[in-house]
């Protein structure tokens, strides 16, 4: 069965995975799983990640640098595709390798061992990927991506709390440009 071939692709929330596929000439392309559809894109997986980041106003080097600043030094760093879709993606191996498979964190349902240094990754919709990587290594990458998501979420969620001593005075609280302004009301 011949899959549809498209020249460019930008990740959307329904995109579950991106993996390499090689044509008859040995050139690397991508096999994209989006919803229940699979199609071929005439770009390497890393190029799709980079183009998607650029589409939303960022780039791969910046995303990797930001990840390392938040969770510390790491190989095969996960990335956040920010903006309206705000998605987190992680590679199963070093992203520069042509056979690297990228997964959308929110679509990964389970990671199971499948023999020595083999694992199966189940994504939403029941799709399964068998990879030459241990379950422990893939689970670590998944957990690291969740850690990135959690830390960014904590930094971007607006929280408002303050402690005031109990007095008989009346105070008003107003939102300023950067902080809240607390003033005592005069009688």
N, C-alpha and C. Protein backbone atom coordinates (compact mmCIF):
# COMPACT_ATOMS: atom_id res chain seq x y z
N UNK A 1 0.84 -1.18 0.00
CA UNK A 1 0.00 0.00 0.00
C UNK A 1 0.89 1.24 0.00
N UNK A 2 0.65 2.11 -0.93
CA UNK A 2 1.42 3.35 -1.06
C UNK A 2 0.81 4.41 -0.15
N UNK A 3 1.65 4.98 0.72
CA UNK A 3 1.19 6.03 1.62
C UNK A 3 1.26 7.37 0.93
N UNK A 4 0.40 8.28 1.37
CA UNK A 4 0.42 9.64 0.86
C UNK A 4 1.74 10.29 1.22
N UNK A 5 2.36 10.98 0.25
CA UNK A 5 3.62 11.68 0.48
C UNK A 5 3.36 13.18 0.42
N UNK A 6 3.72 13.88 1.51
CA UNK A 6 3.60 15.33 1.50
C UNK A 6 4.99 15.92 1.70
N UNK A 7 5.18 17.15 1.25
CA UNK A 7 6.52 17.74 1.28
C UNK A 7 6.88 18.39 2.61
N UNK A 8 5.92 19.01 3.29
CA UNK A 8 6.19 19.68 4.58
C UNK A 8 5.09 19.33 5.56
N UNK A 9 5.45 19.42 6.86
CA UNK A 9 4.47 19.07 7.88
C UNK A 9 4.76 19.85 9.15
N UNK A 10 3.71 20.30 9.82
CA UNK A 10 3.79 20.97 11.11
C UNK A 10 2.99 20.15 12.11
N UNK A 11 3.58 19.89 13.26
CA UNK A 11 2.94 19.09 14.31
C UNK A 11 1.68 19.79 14.82
N UNK A 12 0.65 18.98 15.05
CA UNK A 12 -0.60 19.45 15.63
C UNK A 12 -0.90 18.57 16.85
N UNK A 13 -1.88 18.92 17.69
CA UNK A 13 -2.15 18.10 18.88
C UNK A 13 -2.48 16.63 18.60
N UNK A 14 -3.00 16.31 17.44
CA UNK A 14 -3.34 14.92 17.09
C UNK A 14 -2.12 14.12 16.64
N UNK A 15 -0.98 14.76 16.44
CA UNK A 15 0.23 14.04 16.02
C UNK A 15 0.73 13.21 17.19
N UNK A 16 0.91 11.91 16.96
CA UNK A 16 1.31 11.00 18.02
C UNK A 16 2.78 10.64 17.98
N UNK A 17 3.30 10.43 16.77
CA UNK A 17 4.71 10.03 16.65
C UNK A 17 5.24 10.40 15.28
N UNK A 18 6.55 10.47 15.23
CA UNK A 18 7.25 10.72 13.96
C UNK A 18 8.45 9.77 13.95
N UNK A 19 8.53 8.94 12.93
CA UNK A 19 9.66 8.01 12.84
C UNK A 19 10.24 8.02 11.44
N UNK A 20 11.47 7.58 11.36
CA UNK A 20 12.17 7.58 10.08
C UNK A 20 11.70 6.45 9.18
N UNK A 21 11.76 6.73 7.91
CA UNK A 21 11.50 5.74 6.87
C UNK A 21 12.46 6.06 5.74
N UNK A 22 12.98 5.06 5.09
CA UNK A 22 13.95 5.28 4.02
C UNK A 22 13.35 4.87 2.69
N UNK A 23 13.50 5.74 1.69
CA UNK A 23 12.96 5.42 0.37
C UNK A 23 13.91 4.49 -0.39
N UNK A 24 13.58 4.18 -1.64
CA UNK A 24 14.37 3.25 -2.45
C UNK A 24 15.81 3.72 -2.66
N UNK A 25 16.03 5.03 -2.60
CA UNK A 25 17.37 5.60 -2.78
C UNK A 25 18.15 5.68 -1.46
N UNK A 26 17.52 5.25 -0.36
CA UNK A 26 18.17 5.30 0.95
C UNK A 26 18.06 6.65 1.62
N UNK A 27 17.20 7.54 1.10
CA UNK A 27 17.03 8.87 1.68
C UNK A 27 16.03 8.79 2.84
N UNK A 28 16.35 9.50 3.90
CA UNK A 28 15.52 9.49 5.10
C UNK A 28 14.32 10.42 4.93
N UNK A 29 13.16 9.88 5.22
CA UNK A 29 11.91 10.64 5.27
C UNK A 29 11.25 10.33 6.60
N UNK A 30 10.06 10.81 6.81
CA UNK A 30 9.36 10.56 8.07
C UNK A 30 8.03 9.88 7.83
N UNK A 31 7.71 9.00 8.74
CA UNK A 31 6.40 8.36 8.77
C UNK A 31 5.69 8.99 9.97
N UNK A 32 4.62 9.72 9.71
CA UNK A 32 3.91 10.46 10.75
C UNK A 32 2.61 9.74 11.08
N UNK A 33 2.38 9.57 12.38
CA UNK A 33 1.12 9.02 12.86
C UNK A 33 0.33 10.17 13.46
N UNK A 34 -0.77 10.50 12.80
CA UNK A 34 -1.63 11.61 13.24
C UNK A 34 -3.05 11.07 13.36
N UNK A 35 -3.57 11.04 14.58
CA UNK A 35 -4.88 10.43 14.78
C UNK A 35 -4.81 8.97 14.38
N UNK A 36 -5.67 8.55 13.46
CA UNK A 36 -5.63 7.18 12.95
C UNK A 36 -5.02 7.12 11.56
N UNK A 37 -4.38 8.20 11.12
CA UNK A 37 -3.81 8.26 9.79
C UNK A 37 -2.29 8.20 9.84
N UNK A 38 -1.71 7.51 8.88
CA UNK A 38 -0.27 7.45 8.73
C UNK A 38 0.06 7.92 7.33
N UNK A 39 1.05 8.81 7.24
CA UNK A 39 1.49 9.30 5.94
C UNK A 39 2.97 9.61 5.99
N UNK A 40 3.55 9.76 4.81
CA UNK A 40 4.98 10.01 4.68
C UNK A 40 5.22 11.49 4.41
N UNK A 41 6.25 12.03 5.07
CA UNK A 41 6.63 13.43 4.87
C UNK A 41 8.07 13.44 4.36
N UNK A 42 8.31 14.23 3.35
CA UNK A 42 9.64 14.29 2.73
C UNK A 42 10.59 15.17 3.56
N UNK A 43 10.68 14.88 4.84
CA UNK A 43 11.57 15.56 5.77
C UNK A 43 12.04 14.52 6.79
N UNK A 44 13.22 14.73 7.37
CA UNK A 44 13.68 13.88 8.46
C UNK A 44 12.86 14.21 9.72
N UNK A 45 12.74 13.26 10.65
CA UNK A 45 12.00 13.55 11.88
C UNK A 45 12.50 14.81 12.60
N UNK A 46 13.80 14.97 12.71
CA UNK A 46 14.36 16.14 13.39
C UNK A 46 13.99 17.43 12.66
N UNK A 47 13.85 17.37 11.35
CA UNK A 47 13.46 18.55 10.57
C UNK A 47 12.00 18.92 10.84
N UNK A 48 11.15 17.92 11.03
CA UNK A 48 9.75 18.21 11.36
C UNK A 48 9.65 18.88 12.73
N UNK A 49 10.41 18.36 13.70
CA UNK A 49 10.42 18.96 15.03
C UNK A 49 10.90 20.42 14.92
N UNK A 50 11.99 20.65 14.23
CA UNK A 50 12.56 21.99 14.09
C UNK A 50 11.60 22.93 13.35
N UNK A 51 11.02 22.47 12.25
CA UNK A 51 10.08 23.31 11.49
C UNK A 51 8.84 23.64 12.31
N UNK A 52 8.37 22.69 13.10
CA UNK A 52 7.20 22.93 13.95
C UNK A 52 7.52 23.97 15.01
N UNK A 53 8.70 23.88 15.60
CA UNK A 53 9.11 24.89 16.58
C UNK A 53 9.21 26.26 15.93
N UNK A 54 9.78 26.32 14.74
CA UNK A 54 9.91 27.60 14.02
C UNK A 54 8.53 28.17 13.68
N UNK A 55 7.61 27.30 13.30
CA UNK A 55 6.26 27.74 12.96
C UNK A 55 5.61 28.47 14.13
N UNK A 56 5.88 27.97 15.34
CA UNK A 56 5.30 28.58 16.53
C UNK A 56 6.22 29.63 17.16
N UNK A 57 7.29 30.01 16.45
CA UNK A 57 8.14 31.12 16.87
C UNK A 57 9.37 30.75 17.68
N UNK A 58 9.80 29.50 17.62
CA UNK A 58 10.96 29.05 18.38
C UNK A 58 11.87 28.25 17.46
N UNK A 59 12.94 27.68 17.99
CA UNK A 59 13.76 26.80 17.18
C UNK A 59 14.30 25.66 18.04
N UNK A 60 14.81 24.63 17.39
CA UNK A 60 15.24 23.42 18.08
C UNK A 60 16.37 23.70 19.07
N UNK A 61 17.38 24.46 18.64
CA UNK A 61 18.51 24.74 19.54
C UNK A 61 18.05 25.48 20.79
N UNK A 62 17.16 26.44 20.61
CA UNK A 62 16.62 27.18 21.75
C UNK A 62 15.79 26.29 22.65
N UNK A 63 14.99 25.40 22.07
CA UNK A 63 14.16 24.49 22.86
C UNK A 63 15.02 23.54 23.69
N UNK A 64 16.07 23.02 23.07
CA UNK A 64 16.98 22.11 23.78
C UNK A 64 17.73 22.86 24.87
N UNK A 65 18.19 24.05 24.56
CA UNK A 65 18.89 24.88 25.55
C UNK A 65 17.98 25.21 26.72
N UNK A 66 16.73 25.56 26.43
CA UNK A 66 15.76 25.85 27.48
C UNK A 66 15.48 24.64 28.34
N UNK A 67 15.35 23.47 27.72
CA UNK A 67 15.13 22.23 28.47
C UNK A 67 16.28 21.98 29.44
N UNK A 68 17.50 22.12 28.95
CA UNK A 68 18.67 21.86 29.80
C UNK A 68 18.77 22.87 30.93
N UNK A 69 18.34 24.10 30.69
CA UNK A 69 18.35 25.11 31.76
C UNK A 69 17.32 24.78 32.83
N UNK A 70 16.25 24.12 32.46
CA UNK A 70 15.18 23.80 33.41
C UNK A 70 15.41 22.49 34.15
N UNK A 71 15.82 21.43 33.42
CA UNK A 71 15.96 20.12 34.09
C UNK A 71 17.40 19.66 34.24
N UNK A 72 18.34 20.45 33.74
CA UNK A 72 19.75 20.08 33.87
C UNK A 72 20.27 19.40 32.61
N UNK A 73 21.59 19.15 32.60
CA UNK A 73 22.21 18.55 31.42
C UNK A 73 21.61 17.18 31.11
N UNK A 74 21.38 16.92 29.84
CA UNK A 74 20.85 15.62 29.44
C UNK A 74 21.13 15.38 27.97
N UNK A 75 21.21 14.10 27.63
CA UNK A 75 21.32 13.71 26.23
C UNK A 75 19.91 13.41 25.74
N UNK A 76 19.68 13.56 24.47
CA UNK A 76 18.35 13.31 23.89
C UNK A 76 17.29 14.08 24.65
N UNK A 77 17.49 15.39 24.75
CA UNK A 77 16.61 16.25 25.53
C UNK A 77 15.20 16.32 24.94
N UNK A 78 14.19 16.29 25.79
CA UNK A 78 12.83 16.51 25.31
C UNK A 78 12.65 17.97 24.95
N UNK A 79 11.63 18.27 24.17
CA UNK A 79 11.37 19.66 23.80
C UNK A 79 9.90 19.99 24.02
N UNK A 80 9.67 21.26 24.26
CA UNK A 80 8.30 21.77 24.39
C UNK A 80 7.99 22.56 23.13
N UNK A 81 6.87 22.25 22.53
CA UNK A 81 6.39 23.06 21.41
C UNK A 81 5.34 23.97 22.03
N UNK A 82 5.75 25.22 22.31
CA UNK A 82 4.88 26.12 23.05
C UNK A 82 3.79 26.75 22.18
N UNK A 83 3.10 27.67 22.77
CA UNK A 83 2.03 28.35 22.05
C UNK A 83 0.70 27.74 22.41
N UNK A 84 -0.24 27.88 21.53
CA UNK A 84 -1.60 27.40 21.78
C UNK A 84 -1.64 25.90 22.01
N UNK A 85 -0.78 25.13 21.30
CA UNK A 85 -0.84 23.68 21.45
C UNK A 85 -0.07 23.17 22.66
N UNK A 86 0.99 23.84 23.06
CA UNK A 86 1.78 23.51 24.24
C UNK A 86 1.96 22.00 24.42
N UNK A 87 2.76 21.41 23.56
CA UNK A 87 2.99 19.97 23.59
C UNK A 87 4.43 19.66 23.94
N UNK A 88 4.64 18.49 24.52
CA UNK A 88 5.97 18.03 24.91
C UNK A 88 6.30 16.77 24.12
N UNK A 89 7.49 16.76 23.53
CA UNK A 89 7.94 15.66 22.69
C UNK A 89 9.27 15.14 23.20
N UNK A 90 9.47 13.83 23.09
CA UNK A 90 10.77 13.26 23.47
C UNK A 90 11.23 12.26 22.42
N UNK A 91 12.57 12.23 22.19
CA UNK A 91 13.13 11.27 21.23
C UNK A 91 13.49 9.96 21.94
N UNK A 92 13.43 8.86 21.22
CA UNK A 92 13.76 7.58 21.85
C UNK A 92 15.27 7.35 21.91
N UNK A 93 16.00 8.10 21.10
CA UNK A 93 17.46 8.01 21.08
C UNK A 93 18.00 9.39 20.73
N UNK A 94 19.28 9.51 20.48
CA UNK A 94 19.85 10.82 20.13
C UNK A 94 19.15 11.36 18.89
N UNK A 95 18.62 12.59 18.94
CA UNK A 95 17.80 13.13 17.85
C UNK A 95 18.50 13.25 16.50
N UNK A 96 19.81 13.31 16.49
CA UNK A 96 20.53 13.43 15.21
C UNK A 96 20.57 12.14 14.41
N UNK A 97 20.25 11.03 15.04
CA UNK A 97 20.23 9.76 14.33
C UNK A 97 18.99 9.68 13.46
N UNK A 98 19.17 9.20 12.25
CA UNK A 98 18.05 9.12 11.32
C UNK A 98 16.95 8.18 11.81
N UNK A 99 17.30 7.16 12.60
CA UNK A 99 16.28 6.20 13.03
C UNK A 99 15.59 6.61 14.34
N UNK A 100 15.79 7.84 14.76
CA UNK A 100 15.18 8.34 16.00
C UNK A 100 13.66 8.45 15.83
N UNK A 101 12.93 7.94 16.83
CA UNK A 101 11.47 8.07 16.85
C UNK A 101 11.12 9.11 17.91
N UNK A 102 10.28 10.06 17.53
CA UNK A 102 9.81 11.10 18.46
C UNK A 102 8.38 10.77 18.87
N UNK A 103 8.08 10.96 20.17
CA UNK A 103 6.75 10.69 20.69
C UNK A 103 6.18 11.93 21.37
N UNK A 104 4.87 12.14 21.19
CA UNK A 104 4.15 13.20 21.90
C UNK A 104 3.82 12.64 23.27
N UNK A 105 4.28 13.32 24.31
CA UNK A 105 4.08 12.86 25.68
C UNK A 105 2.62 12.54 25.97
N UNK A 106 1.71 13.40 25.56
CA UNK A 106 0.29 13.21 25.90
C UNK A 106 -0.37 12.06 25.15
N UNK A 107 0.33 11.46 24.19
CA UNK A 107 -0.24 10.31 23.47
C UNK A 107 0.36 8.98 23.92
N UNK A 108 1.42 8.99 24.72
CA UNK A 108 2.04 7.74 25.16
C UNK A 108 1.17 7.13 26.26
N UNK A 109 0.68 5.92 25.99
CA UNK A 109 -0.19 5.23 26.94
C UNK A 109 0.61 4.31 27.86
N UNK A 110 1.64 3.65 27.33
CA UNK A 110 2.41 2.71 28.14
C UNK A 110 3.73 2.39 27.45
N UNK A 111 4.71 2.03 28.26
CA UNK A 111 6.01 1.57 27.77
C UNK A 111 6.27 0.25 28.46
N UNK A 112 6.46 -0.80 27.68
CA UNK A 112 6.62 -2.14 28.24
C UNK A 112 7.91 -2.79 27.75
N UNK A 113 8.55 -3.62 28.61
CA UNK A 113 9.72 -4.36 28.15
C UNK A 113 9.28 -5.41 27.13
N UNK A 114 10.14 -5.69 26.18
CA UNK A 114 9.82 -6.65 25.12
C UNK A 114 11.05 -7.50 24.82
N UNK A 115 11.74 -7.95 25.86
CA UNK A 115 12.98 -8.70 25.71
C UNK A 115 14.15 -7.85 26.19
N UNK A 116 15.35 -8.41 26.06
CA UNK A 116 16.54 -7.69 26.52
C UNK A 116 16.86 -6.54 25.57
N UNK A 117 16.92 -5.34 26.14
CA UNK A 117 17.18 -4.10 25.38
C UNK A 117 16.17 -3.87 24.25
N UNK A 118 14.95 -4.34 24.46
CA UNK A 118 13.86 -4.10 23.52
C UNK A 118 12.66 -3.60 24.31
N UNK A 119 11.86 -2.77 23.69
CA UNK A 119 10.67 -2.27 24.36
C UNK A 119 9.57 -2.00 23.36
N UNK A 120 8.37 -1.91 23.89
CA UNK A 120 7.20 -1.56 23.09
C UNK A 120 6.59 -0.30 23.67
N UNK A 121 6.33 0.66 22.80
CA UNK A 121 5.69 1.90 23.22
C UNK A 121 4.29 1.89 22.63
N UNK A 122 3.30 1.99 23.53
CA UNK A 122 1.90 2.04 23.10
C UNK A 122 1.43 3.49 23.17
N UNK A 123 0.83 3.94 22.08
CA UNK A 123 0.30 5.29 22.04
C UNK A 123 -1.22 5.22 21.93
N UNK A 124 -1.87 6.35 22.18
CA UNK A 124 -3.33 6.38 22.13
C UNK A 124 -3.82 5.85 20.79
N UNK A 125 -4.94 5.18 20.84
CA UNK A 125 -5.48 4.57 19.63
C UNK A 125 -5.02 3.14 19.43
N UNK A 126 -4.15 2.64 20.34
CA UNK A 126 -3.72 1.24 20.27
C UNK A 126 -2.51 0.97 19.40
N UNK A 127 -1.89 1.97 18.85
CA UNK A 127 -0.70 1.76 18.03
C UNK A 127 0.48 1.37 18.91
N UNK A 128 1.36 0.50 18.38
CA UNK A 128 2.50 0.01 19.14
C UNK A 128 3.78 0.15 18.32
N UNK A 129 4.84 0.61 18.97
CA UNK A 129 6.15 0.73 18.33
C UNK A 129 7.12 -0.18 19.07
N UNK A 130 7.79 -1.07 18.35
CA UNK A 130 8.81 -1.93 18.95
C UNK A 130 10.16 -1.29 18.65
N UNK A 131 10.93 -1.02 19.72
CA UNK A 131 12.18 -0.29 19.57
C UNK A 131 13.35 -1.04 20.18
N UNK A 132 14.53 -0.82 19.62
CA UNK A 132 15.76 -1.42 20.11
C UNK A 132 16.35 -0.57 21.25
N UNK A 133 15.57 -0.37 22.27
CA UNK A 133 15.96 0.40 23.44
C UNK A 133 15.28 -0.24 24.64
N UNK A 134 15.97 -0.24 25.76
CA UNK A 134 15.39 -0.86 26.95
C UNK A 134 14.20 -0.05 27.46
N UNK A 135 13.29 -0.75 28.11
CA UNK A 135 12.12 -0.11 28.71
C UNK A 135 12.56 0.91 29.75
N UNK A 136 13.60 0.56 30.51
CA UNK A 136 14.11 1.46 31.55
C UNK A 136 14.59 2.78 30.95
N UNK A 137 15.31 2.72 29.84
CA UNK A 137 15.82 3.92 29.19
C UNK A 137 14.68 4.78 28.64
N UNK A 138 13.71 4.15 28.00
CA UNK A 138 12.57 4.90 27.46
C UNK A 138 11.70 5.49 28.57
N UNK A 139 11.50 4.74 29.63
CA UNK A 139 10.71 5.26 30.75
C UNK A 139 11.40 6.45 31.39
N UNK A 140 12.74 6.41 31.46
CA UNK A 140 13.50 7.54 31.99
C UNK A 140 13.27 8.78 31.13
N UNK A 141 13.29 8.61 29.81
CA UNK A 141 13.06 9.74 28.90
C UNK A 141 11.63 10.27 29.03
N UNK A 142 10.69 9.36 29.18
CA UNK A 142 9.30 9.76 29.39
C UNK A 142 9.18 10.56 30.70
N UNK A 143 9.77 10.04 31.78
CA UNK A 143 9.71 10.71 33.08
C UNK A 143 10.38 12.08 33.04
N UNK A 144 11.48 12.17 32.33
CA UNK A 144 12.19 13.45 32.21
C UNK A 144 11.32 14.46 31.47
N UNK A 145 10.57 14.01 30.49
CA UNK A 145 9.68 14.90 29.75
C UNK A 145 8.53 15.36 30.65
N UNK A 146 8.00 14.45 31.46
CA UNK A 146 6.97 14.85 32.43
C UNK A 146 7.53 15.86 33.44
N UNK A 147 8.77 15.68 33.83
CA UNK A 147 9.42 16.63 34.75
C UNK A 147 9.52 18.01 34.12
N UNK A 148 9.89 18.05 32.85
CA UNK A 148 9.97 19.32 32.12
C UNK A 148 8.59 19.97 32.09
N UNK A 149 7.57 19.20 31.75
CA UNK A 149 6.21 19.72 31.68
C UNK A 149 5.77 20.27 33.04
N UNK A 150 6.05 19.54 34.10
CA UNK A 150 5.66 19.94 35.44
C UNK A 150 6.36 21.23 35.86
N UNK A 151 7.64 21.32 35.62
CA UNK A 151 8.38 22.53 36.02
C UNK A 151 7.95 23.76 35.23
N UNK A 152 7.71 23.59 33.94
CA UNK A 152 7.25 24.73 33.14
C UNK A 152 5.85 25.14 33.60
N UNK A 153 5.01 24.17 33.88
CA UNK A 153 3.66 24.46 34.35
C UNK A 153 3.69 25.26 35.66
N UNK A 154 4.55 24.85 36.58
CA UNK A 154 4.66 25.56 37.85
C UNK A 154 5.16 26.99 37.65
N UNK A 155 5.99 27.20 36.66
CA UNK A 155 6.54 28.53 36.42
C UNK A 155 5.57 29.43 35.68
N UNK A 156 4.64 28.86 34.95
CA UNK A 156 3.77 29.69 34.12
C UNK A 156 2.37 29.87 34.69
N UNK A 157 1.99 29.06 35.66
CA UNK A 157 0.67 29.20 36.27
C UNK A 157 0.71 30.40 37.20
N UNK A 158 -0.24 31.29 37.04
CA UNK A 158 -0.31 32.47 37.91
C UNK A 158 -0.88 32.07 39.25
N UNK A 159 -0.07 32.25 40.27
CA UNK A 159 -0.57 31.99 41.62
C UNK A 159 -0.57 33.29 42.39
N UNK A 160 -1.52 33.41 43.26
CA UNK A 160 -1.65 34.63 44.03
C UNK A 160 -1.85 34.23 45.49
N UNK A 161 -0.87 34.54 46.30
CA UNK A 161 -1.05 34.29 47.73
C UNK A 161 -0.20 35.28 48.50
N UNK A 162 -0.70 35.67 49.66
CA UNK A 162 0.06 36.54 50.55
C UNK A 162 -0.47 36.33 51.96
N UNK A 163 0.33 36.69 52.90
CA UNK A 163 -0.05 36.55 54.30
C UNK A 163 -0.10 37.94 54.91
N UNK A 164 -1.16 38.21 55.64
CA UNK A 164 -1.29 39.51 56.32
C UNK A 164 -1.59 39.25 57.78
N UNK A 165 -1.04 40.08 58.60
CA UNK A 165 -1.33 39.97 60.02
C UNK A 165 -2.76 40.44 60.27
N UNK A 166 -3.38 39.85 61.25
CA UNK A 166 -4.75 40.21 61.59
C UNK A 166 -4.74 41.59 62.29
N UNK A 167 -5.48 42.49 61.73
CA UNK A 167 -5.60 43.83 62.32
C UNK A 167 -7.04 44.28 62.17
N UNK A 168 -7.32 45.44 62.70
CA UNK A 168 -8.66 46.00 62.55
C UNK A 168 -8.72 46.92 61.33
N UNK A 169 -7.57 47.12 60.67
CA UNK A 169 -7.53 47.98 59.50
C UNK A 169 -8.14 47.29 58.29
N UNK A 170 -8.59 48.08 57.34
CA UNK A 170 -9.11 47.56 56.07
C UNK A 170 -8.06 47.76 54.99
N UNK A 171 -7.92 46.76 54.13
CA UNK A 171 -6.94 46.83 53.06
C UNK A 171 -7.63 46.56 51.73
N UNK A 172 -7.04 47.10 50.68
CA UNK A 172 -7.52 46.77 49.34
C UNK A 172 -6.37 46.12 48.57
N UNK A 173 -6.72 45.23 47.70
CA UNK A 173 -5.73 44.53 46.88
C UNK A 173 -6.06 44.81 45.43
N UNK A 174 -5.07 45.34 44.70
CA UNK A 174 -5.25 45.65 43.28
C UNK A 174 -4.14 44.99 42.48
N UNK A 175 -4.45 44.63 41.29
CA UNK A 175 -3.44 44.04 40.42
C UNK A 175 -2.67 45.16 39.73
N UNK A 176 -1.34 45.15 39.92
CA UNK A 176 -0.47 46.12 39.25
C UNK A 176 0.06 45.52 37.96
N UNK A 177 1.06 46.17 37.38
CA UNK A 177 1.64 45.67 36.13
C UNK A 177 2.35 44.33 36.33
N UNK A 178 3.12 44.20 37.41
CA UNK A 178 3.88 42.98 37.64
C UNK A 178 3.48 42.27 38.93
N UNK A 179 2.98 42.99 39.90
CA UNK A 179 2.65 42.44 41.21
C UNK A 179 1.29 42.95 41.66
N UNK A 180 0.88 42.48 42.81
CA UNK A 180 -0.34 42.99 43.42
C UNK A 180 0.04 44.12 44.38
N UNK A 181 -0.82 45.11 44.49
CA UNK A 181 -0.57 46.27 45.34
C UNK A 181 -1.56 46.21 46.50
N UNK A 182 -1.03 46.20 47.70
CA UNK A 182 -1.87 46.15 48.90
C UNK A 182 -1.76 47.51 49.57
N UNK A 183 -2.91 48.14 49.76
CA UNK A 183 -2.92 49.45 50.42
C UNK A 183 -3.93 49.45 51.55
N UNK A 184 -3.60 50.20 52.59
CA UNK A 184 -4.49 50.32 53.73
C UNK A 184 -5.52 51.38 53.43
N UNK A 185 -6.76 51.07 53.65
CA UNK A 185 -7.83 52.05 53.42
C UNK A 185 -7.89 52.97 54.62
N UNK A 186 -8.02 54.26 54.33
CA UNK A 186 -8.12 55.24 55.41
C UNK A 186 -9.58 55.50 55.73
N UNK A 187 -9.87 55.63 57.01
CA UNK A 187 -11.25 55.86 57.43
C UNK A 187 -11.69 57.26 57.18
